[in-house]
Amino acid sequence: MNKQSLLKDIEAHRNEMVTQATHSSLSNDKVIKLSKKLDNLLNKYDRLLKNSSNS
């Protein structure tokens, strides 16, 4: 996955998480699942940046 598509995916998940939290609560199962997915995407992005700076 390239940097641009990863950023788009991160933004989409962030927006979905905020929308879900607005309509339910921060402790809602779907919001928590989206938050964990967002964390994973952000970690992937961080690793991508670290690898590209080491090259």
Protein backbone atom coordinates (compact mmCIF):
# COMPACT_ATOMS: atom_id res chain seq x y z
CA MET A 1 0.00 0.00 0.00
CA ASN A 2 1.43 3.36 -0.96
CA LYS A 3 1.50 6.46 1.21
CA GLN A 4 -1.36 8.28 -0.53
CA SER A 5 -3.81 5.38 -0.43
CA LEU A 6 -2.92 4.72 3.21
CA LEU A 7 -3.61 8.37 4.09
CA LYS A 8 -6.99 8.18 2.33
CA ASP A 9 -7.83 5.01 4.25
CA ILE A 10 -6.79 6.64 7.53
CA GLU A 11 -8.97 9.67 6.85
CA ALA A 12 -11.95 7.52 5.85
CA HIS A 13 -11.70 5.44 9.03
CA ARG A 14 -11.26 8.56 11.16
CA ASN A 15 -14.36 10.17 9.66
CA GLU A 16 -16.39 6.98 10.08
CA MET A 17 -15.30 6.64 13.70
CA VAL A 18 -16.27 10.25 14.49
CA THR A 19 -19.63 9.81 12.76
CA GLN A 20 -20.37 6.61 14.66
CA ALA A 21 -19.30 8.17 17.97
CA THR A 22 -21.51 11.17 17.33
CA HIS A 23 -24.54 8.93 16.78
CA SER A 24 -23.82 6.57 19.66
CA SER A 25 -21.01 6.80 22.23
CA LEU A 26 -17.25 6.42 22.46
CA SER A 27 -17.72 3.07 24.19
CA ASN A 28 -19.90 1.65 21.41
CA ASP A 29 -18.50 -1.64 20.04
CA LYS A 30 -18.41 -0.35 16.46
CA VAL A 31 -16.57 2.82 17.52
CA ILE A 32 -14.01 0.77 19.43
CA LYS A 33 -13.52 -1.54 16.44
CA LEU A 34 -13.00 1.46 14.15
CA SER A 35 -10.59 3.00 16.65
CA LYS A 36 -8.49 -0.17 16.73
CA LYS A 37 -8.47 -0.31 12.92
CA LEU A 38 -7.42 3.34 12.82
CA ASP A 39 -4.61 2.61 15.29
CA ASN A 40 -3.39 -0.20 13.05
CA LEU A 41 -3.47 2.03 9.98
CA LEU A 42 -1.59 4.79 11.80
CA ASN A 43 1.05 2.29 12.95
CA LYS A 44 1.39 1.03 9.39
CA TYR A 45 1.81 4.61 8.16
CA ASP A 46 4.45 5.26 10.83
CA ARG A 47 6.40 2.15 9.78
CA LEU A 48 6.14 3.21 6.14
CA LEU A 49 7.59 6.63 6.95
CA LYS A 50 10.39 5.14 9.06
CA ASN A 51 11.30 2.66 6.32
CA SER A 52 11.33 5.32 3.63
CA SER A 53 13.55 7.59 5.72
CA ASN A 54 15.99 4.73 6.35
CA SER A 55 16.33 4.01 2.64
